[in-house]
């Protein structure tokens, strides 16, 4: 009887140790931990158990599932930091045809009213906390570390589409804050990025409205928060060589982008393919709003923006 109790306790101890090893080293492998981390947490090395447990407390399939959920949670829930401390990612040298076209056709933007654009995520994958809806545009009119424009490009229905997107720490209707996090984007449609002199075929700018702001009849659709676009075909007005001139403004509804004859500013461009993995992963979640160029949204937004 005594021997049976001792064996039971020994098996339980082995089970616990093996479970600890499995959890630590599986997570460590997925997240890039050093093996010393497991040791520093006083978890014995894998070789410590003299044998694999004969019966685990948890079924192995369930155990593995729980660990995979934990890893996914860690990866998709990026750390959020104060919005004004998010540093933009320096514009890297353009190497590929897509990257060179992205730089060539990068828009210039004038910020007029509401909030200016800020970086959404830094190189480490830390995301902007944004700003609460109240407080007007206090703390929102200037990005102390500089801003950022994000780009992603692909062929869409035989036309090369370059989406440029800007992040704002809060959203507005006129001068009234309405929520935390906002995005605006523009799609420049060109014939072929690989030819010597690509031509702009169209321009689509997000406006977050189903109806024209200047129409006398204002309905609930005017303030509908969805990604709709103003669309234009070539010849495109207000283009400085290859850079379209845009203004980020607000009239009766949310902030939106439109073409303007006035010169604007350029932000450092980071294309999707150039983003550090941690930053790209951060865009997969909802921590910084509805990202228009994320894997979940990109093709859908191009469909909404299609001007032809």
Protein backbone atom coordinates (compact mmCIF):
# COMPACT_ATOMS: atom_id res chain seq x y z
CA UNK A 1 0.00 0.00 0.00
CA UNK A 2 2.80 2.40 0.95
CA UNK A 3 4.65 1.52 -2.25
CA UNK A 4 1.51 2.14 -4.31
CA UNK A 5 1.02 5.61 -2.79
CA UNK A 6 4.68 6.43 -3.36
CA UNK A 7 4.46 5.34 -7.00
CA UNK A 8 1.31 7.43 -7.47
CA UNK A 9 2.98 10.53 -6.06
CA UNK A 10 6.05 9.91 -8.20
CA UNK A 11 3.89 9.61 -11.33
CA UNK A 12 2.06 12.80 -10.42
CA UNK A 13 5.38 14.61 -9.95
CA UNK A 14 6.61 13.35 -13.33
CA UNK A 15 3.35 14.40 -14.96
CA UNK A 16 3.63 17.92 -13.55
CA UNK A 17 7.28 18.28 -14.55
CA UNK A 18 6.69 16.99 -18.06
CA UNK A 19 3.69 19.31 -18.51
CA UNK A 20 5.85 22.26 -17.43
CA UNK A 21 8.59 21.30 -19.88
CA UNK A 22 6.15 20.86 -22.73
CA UNK A 23 4.46 24.22 -22.12
CA UNK A 24 7.64 26.23 -21.66
CA UNK A 25 9.59 24.80 -24.55
CA UNK A 26 6.66 24.75 -26.98
CA UNK A 27 5.92 28.39 -26.28
CA UNK A 28 9.62 29.13 -26.32
CA UNK A 29 10.04 27.59 -29.75
CA UNK A 30 7.08 29.53 -31.13
CA UNK A 31 8.07 32.86 -29.62
CA UNK A 32 11.84 32.63 -30.00
CA UNK A 33 12.70 32.33 -26.31
CA UNK A 34 16.18 31.29 -25.28
CA UNK A 35 16.32 27.93 -23.50
CA UNK A 36 17.78 29.73 -20.50
CA UNK A 37 14.41 31.41 -19.97
CA UNK A 38 12.79 28.13 -19.02
CA UNK A 39 15.67 27.38 -16.67
CA UNK A 40 15.43 30.83 -15.11
CA UNK A 41 11.84 30.06 -14.19
CA UNK A 42 13.14 27.06 -12.25
CA UNK A 43 11.61 24.63 -14.70
CA UNK A 44 13.85 21.53 -14.94
CA UNK A 45 15.40 20.69 -18.28
CA UNK A 46 13.69 18.15 -20.51
CA UNK A 47 16.19 15.52 -19.46
CA UNK A 48 15.18 15.79 -15.81
CA UNK A 49 12.17 13.45 -15.94
CA UNK A 50 13.45 9.90 -15.97
CA UNK A 51 10.56 8.77 -18.10
CA UNK A 52 7.59 10.10 -20.00
CA UNK A 53 4.43 10.04 -17.84
CA UNK A 54 2.19 7.08 -18.36
CA UNK A 55 -0.96 9.15 -18.04
CA UNK A 56 -1.25 12.93 -18.41
CA UNK A 57 -3.78 14.98 -16.48
CA UNK A 58 -4.90 16.57 -19.75
CA UNK A 59 -5.39 14.81 -23.08
CA UNK A 60 -2.45 15.69 -25.30
CA UNK A 61 -4.66 17.03 -28.12
CA UNK A 62 -6.40 19.39 -25.71
CA UNK A 63 -3.07 20.43 -24.22
CA UNK A 64 -1.62 21.22 -27.65
CA UNK A 65 -4.78 23.11 -28.62
CA UNK A 66 -4.63 25.32 -25.53
CA UNK A 67 -1.00 26.13 -26.22
CA UNK A 68 -1.72 27.02 -29.85
CA UNK A 69 -4.48 29.36 -28.68
CA UNK A 70 -2.08 31.01 -26.24
CA UNK A 71 0.52 31.51 -28.96
CA UNK A 72 -2.05 32.96 -31.35
CA UNK A 73 -3.30 35.31 -28.64
CA UNK A 74 0.20 36.58 -27.92
CA UNK A 75 0.98 37.08 -31.58
CA UNK A 76 -2.21 38.91 -32.52
CA UNK A 77 -2.53 41.13 -29.45
CA UNK A 78 0.23 43.62 -29.93
CA UNK A 79 1.48 45.82 -27.14
CA UNK A 80 -0.16 49.25 -27.21
CA UNK A 81 1.84 52.37 -26.31
CA UNK A 82 0.98 56.05 -26.04
CA UNK A 83 0.10 57.41 -29.48
CA UNK A 84 2.68 60.22 -29.46
CA UNK A 85 5.57 57.85 -28.66
CA UNK A 86 5.12 55.60 -31.71
CA UNK A 87 8.12 56.27 -33.94
CA UNK A 88 7.68 56.07 -37.71
CA UNK A 89 9.68 53.46 -39.60
CA UNK A 90 12.29 55.12 -41.79
CA UNK A 91 11.60 54.82 -45.50
CA UNK A 92 13.89 52.05 -46.76
CA UNK A 93 15.62 52.00 -50.11
CA UNK A 94 13.26 50.87 -52.84
CA UNK A 95 14.57 47.68 -54.44
CA UNK A 96 11.74 45.87 -56.21
CA UNK A 97 9.65 47.20 -59.09
CA UNK A 98 6.66 47.46 -56.75
CA UNK A 99 8.62 49.42 -54.14
CA UNK A 100 10.05 51.81 -56.73
CA UNK A 101 6.59 52.47 -58.15
CA UNK A 102 5.30 53.06 -54.63
CA UNK A 103 7.86 55.81 -54.08
CA UNK A 104 7.40 57.26 -57.57
CA UNK A 105 3.65 57.76 -57.15
CA UNK A 106 3.62 58.61 -53.43
CA UNK A 107 1.00 61.33 -52.82
CA UNK A 108 1.58 64.56 -50.95
CA UNK A 109 -1.05 65.41 -48.35
CA UNK A 110 -2.13 68.67 -46.75
CA UNK A 111 -3.68 68.19 -43.31
CA UNK A 112 -6.60 70.59 -42.94
CA UNK A 113 -8.74 70.31 -39.84
CA UNK A 114 -9.54 67.56 -37.41
CA UNK A 115 -6.46 65.50 -36.74
CA UNK A 116 -3.12 65.04 -38.46
CA UNK A 117 -1.82 61.61 -39.36
CA UNK A 118 0.42 59.66 -36.98
CA UNK A 119 2.38 56.40 -37.17
CA UNK A 120 0.18 53.41 -36.30
CA UNK A 121 2.90 50.94 -35.33
CA UNK A 122 6.65 50.98 -34.76
CA UNK A 123 9.31 48.56 -35.95
CA UNK A 124 8.89 46.44 -32.82
CA UNK A 125 5.19 45.91 -33.50
CA UNK A 126 3.99 48.22 -30.71
CA UNK A 127 0.73 49.89 -31.74
CA UNK A 128 -0.73 53.31 -31.09
CA UNK A 129 -3.12 53.61 -28.16
CA UNK A 130 -5.03 56.29 -30.06
CA UNK A 131 -6.99 59.11 -28.43
CA UNK A 132 -10.41 59.12 -26.75
CA UNK A 133 -13.31 60.73 -28.56
CA UNK A 134 -13.60 63.66 -26.16
CA UNK A 135 -11.19 66.59 -25.96
CA UNK A 136 -11.58 67.93 -29.49
CA UNK A 137 -8.36 67.78 -31.47
CA UNK A 138 -6.13 68.49 -28.48
CA UNK A 139 -2.85 66.60 -28.86
CA UNK A 140 -3.82 65.61 -32.37
CA UNK A 141 -2.67 68.47 -34.58
CA UNK A 142 1.02 67.55 -34.79
CA UNK A 143 2.89 64.25 -34.71
CA UNK A 144 5.99 64.96 -32.59
CA UNK A 145 8.05 62.11 -34.06
CA UNK A 146 6.82 62.51 -37.62
CA UNK A 147 4.14 60.66 -39.52
CA UNK A 148 4.02 57.66 -41.83
CA UNK A 149 2.26 56.55 -44.99
CA UNK A 150 1.69 52.84 -45.53
CA UNK A 151 1.58 51.27 -48.98
CA UNK A 152 0.49 48.00 -50.54
CA UNK A 153 0.28 47.16 -54.23
CA UNK A 154 -0.96 44.39 -56.50
CA UNK A 155 -2.54 43.68 -59.86
CA UNK A 156 -6.31 44.08 -59.77
CA UNK A 157 -8.40 43.31 -62.85
CA UNK A 158 -5.41 43.97 -65.10
CA UNK A 159 -4.51 47.33 -63.52
CA UNK A 160 -1.70 47.98 -61.03
CA UNK A 161 -3.22 49.30 -57.80
CA UNK A 162 -1.14 51.12 -55.19
CA UNK A 163 -2.97 51.82 -51.94
CA UNK A 164 -1.57 54.52 -49.67
CA UNK A 165 -2.99 54.71 -46.15
CA UNK A 166 -2.74 57.18 -43.28
CA UNK A 167 -3.57 56.53 -39.63
CA UNK A 168 -5.25 59.00 -37.25
CA UNK A 169 -5.45 58.47 -33.47
CA UNK A 170 -9.10 59.56 -33.39
CA UNK A 171 -12.02 60.06 -35.74
CA UNK A 172 -14.10 63.20 -36.24
CA UNK A 173 -17.37 64.43 -37.63
CA UNK A 174 -16.73 68.09 -38.43
CA UNK A 175 -14.79 69.21 -35.33
CA UNK A 176 -16.39 66.74 -32.93
CA UNK A 177 -14.45 63.65 -31.93
CA UNK A 178 -16.39 60.44 -32.47
CA UNK A 179 -14.05 57.57 -31.61
CA UNK A 180 -10.55 56.19 -31.21
CA UNK A 181 -8.53 55.29 -34.34
CA UNK A 182 -9.28 56.25 -37.92
CA UNK A 183 -7.84 55.49 -41.35
CA UNK A 184 -7.93 57.23 -44.70
CA UNK A 185 -6.56 55.83 -47.93
CA UNK A 186 -6.07 56.59 -51.58
CA UNK A 187 -5.61 54.14 -54.44
CA UNK A 188 -3.50 55.24 -57.40
CA UNK A 189 -4.22 53.08 -60.45
CA UNK A 190 -1.43 52.82 -63.04
CA UNK A 191 -0.98 50.83 -66.23
CA UNK A 192 2.22 48.92 -65.47
CA UNK A 193 4.93 49.56 -62.86
CA UNK A 194 7.55 47.76 -64.96
CA UNK A 195 7.49 50.06 -67.99
CA UNK A 196 9.78 53.05 -68.34
CA UNK A 197 7.06 55.67 -67.90
CA UNK A 198 4.02 54.30 -66.06
CA UNK A 199 0.82 56.29 -66.50
CA UNK A 200 -1.83 57.11 -63.93
CA UNK A 201 -5.14 55.66 -65.08
CA UNK A 202 -7.29 56.55 -62.10
CA UNK A 203 -7.47 57.82 -58.53
CA UNK A 204 -9.76 56.74 -55.71
CA UNK A 205 -9.88 58.56 -52.37
CA UNK A 206 -11.71 57.34 -49.27
CA UNK A 207 -14.48 59.54 -47.97
CA UNK A 208 -16.43 57.42 -45.43
CA UNK A 209 -19.73 58.54 -46.83
CA UNK A 210 -22.41 57.10 -49.11
CA UNK A 211 -23.47 60.56 -50.28
CA UNK A 212 -21.80 63.76 -51.40
CA UNK A 213 -21.15 66.07 -48.46
CA UNK A 214 -22.18 69.08 -50.52
CA UNK A 215 -25.67 67.80 -51.36
CA UNK A 216 -28.39 69.85 -49.62
CA UNK A 217 -30.16 66.73 -48.35
CA UNK A 218 -28.22 65.25 -45.42
CA UNK A 219 -29.27 61.74 -44.41
CA UNK A 220 -27.96 59.13 -42.02
CA UNK A 221 -25.97 57.76 -44.95
CA UNK A 222 -23.90 60.95 -44.93
CA UNK A 223 -22.36 59.91 -41.65
CA UNK A 224 -22.19 56.19 -42.26
CA UNK A 225 -18.82 54.85 -41.17
CA UNK A 226 -17.85 52.74 -44.14
CA UNK A 227 -15.02 52.86 -46.63
CA UNK A 228 -16.43 54.42 -49.76
CA UNK A 229 -14.48 56.30 -52.37
CA UNK A 230 -14.56 59.29 -54.66
CA UNK A 231 -13.33 57.95 -58.00
CA UNK A 232 -11.79 59.61 -61.04
CA UNK A 233 -10.38 58.35 -64.32
CA UNK A 234 -7.50 59.86 -66.27
CA UNK A 235 -6.72 62.61 -66.88
CA UNK A 236 -6.29 63.16 -63.14
CA UNK A 237 -6.19 66.74 -61.89
CA UNK A 238 -3.72 68.17 -59.38
CA UNK A 239 -0.78 65.90 -60.14
CA UNK A 240 2.78 67.13 -59.64
CA UNK A 241 4.65 65.00 -62.21
CA UNK A 242 3.70 61.62 -60.67
CA UNK A 243 2.56 62.70 -57.19
CA UNK A 244 -1.13 63.39 -56.69
CA UNK A 245 -1.89 66.28 -54.34
CA UNK A 246 -4.45 65.49 -51.66
CA UNK A 247 -6.00 67.22 -48.69
CA UNK A 248 -7.27 65.53 -45.54
CA UNK A 249 -10.24 67.58 -44.41
CA UNK A 250 -13.76 67.57 -43.02
CA UNK A 251 -16.88 69.49 -44.01
CA UNK A 252 -20.16 68.13 -42.63
CA UNK A 253 -19.12 64.57 -41.93
CA UNK A 254 -16.06 62.48 -41.07
CA UNK A 255 -12.60 63.38 -42.30
CA UNK A 256 -11.98 62.42 -45.90
CA UNK A 257 -9.42 62.78 -48.69
CA UNK A 258 -9.88 64.73 -51.89
CA UNK A 259 -7.77 66.16 -54.68
CA UNK A 260 -6.44 69.70 -54.21
CA UNK A 261 -4.29 72.16 -56.17
CA UNK A 262 -2.39 73.00 -52.99
CA UNK A 263 0.94 71.38 -52.22
CA UNK A 264 1.13 69.06 -49.26
CA UNK A 265 3.73 67.15 -47.29
CA UNK A 266 5.36 63.79 -47.89
CA UNK A 267 5.63 61.15 -45.19
CA UNK A 268 8.09 58.26 -45.05
CA UNK A 269 6.60 55.40 -47.05
CA UNK A 270 6.79 51.82 -45.85
CA UNK A 271 5.43 49.21 -48.23
CA UNK A 272 3.73 46.06 -46.98
CA UNK A 273 6.62 43.89 -48.14
CA UNK A 274 9.10 46.11 -46.28
CA UNK A 275 7.37 46.03 -42.90
CA UNK A 276 9.14 44.16 -40.11
CA UNK A 277 7.29 40.95 -39.32
CA UNK A 278 6.22 42.24 -35.90
CA UNK A 279 4.67 45.34 -37.46
CA UNK A 280 2.92 43.36 -40.19
CA UNK A 281 1.49 41.00 -37.59
CA UNK A 282 0.16 43.95 -35.56
CA UNK A 283 -1.97 45.04 -38.52
CA UNK A 284 -3.83 41.72 -38.43
CA UNK A 285 -5.73 42.67 -35.28
CA UNK A 286 -8.27 45.35 -34.45
CA UNK A 287 -6.13 47.18 -31.89
CA UNK A 288 -5.62 50.12 -34.27
CA UNK A 289 -8.95 50.15 -36.03
CA UNK A 290 -10.00 48.72 -39.37
CA UNK A 291 -6.73 48.69 -41.34
CA UNK A 292 -7.59 49.07 -45.05
CA UNK A 293 -4.50 47.24 -46.35
CA UNK A 294 -4.57 44.26 -43.99
CA UNK A 295 -4.90 40.77 -45.43
CA UNK A 296 -8.53 40.74 -44.34
CA UNK A 297 -9.43 44.06 -46.02
CA UNK A 298 -7.08 44.77 -48.92
CA UNK A 299 -8.88 43.02 -51.77
CA UNK A 300 -12.28 44.16 -50.49
CA UNK A 301 -11.15 47.79 -50.40
CA UNK A 302 -9.75 47.59 -53.92
CA UNK A 303 -13.14 46.34 -55.05
CA UNK A 304 -14.83 49.31 -53.40
CA UNK A 305 -12.28 51.71 -54.91
CA UNK A 306 -12.42 50.30 -58.47
CA UNK A 307 -13.06 53.33 -60.75
CA UNK A 308 -13.40 51.67 -64.17
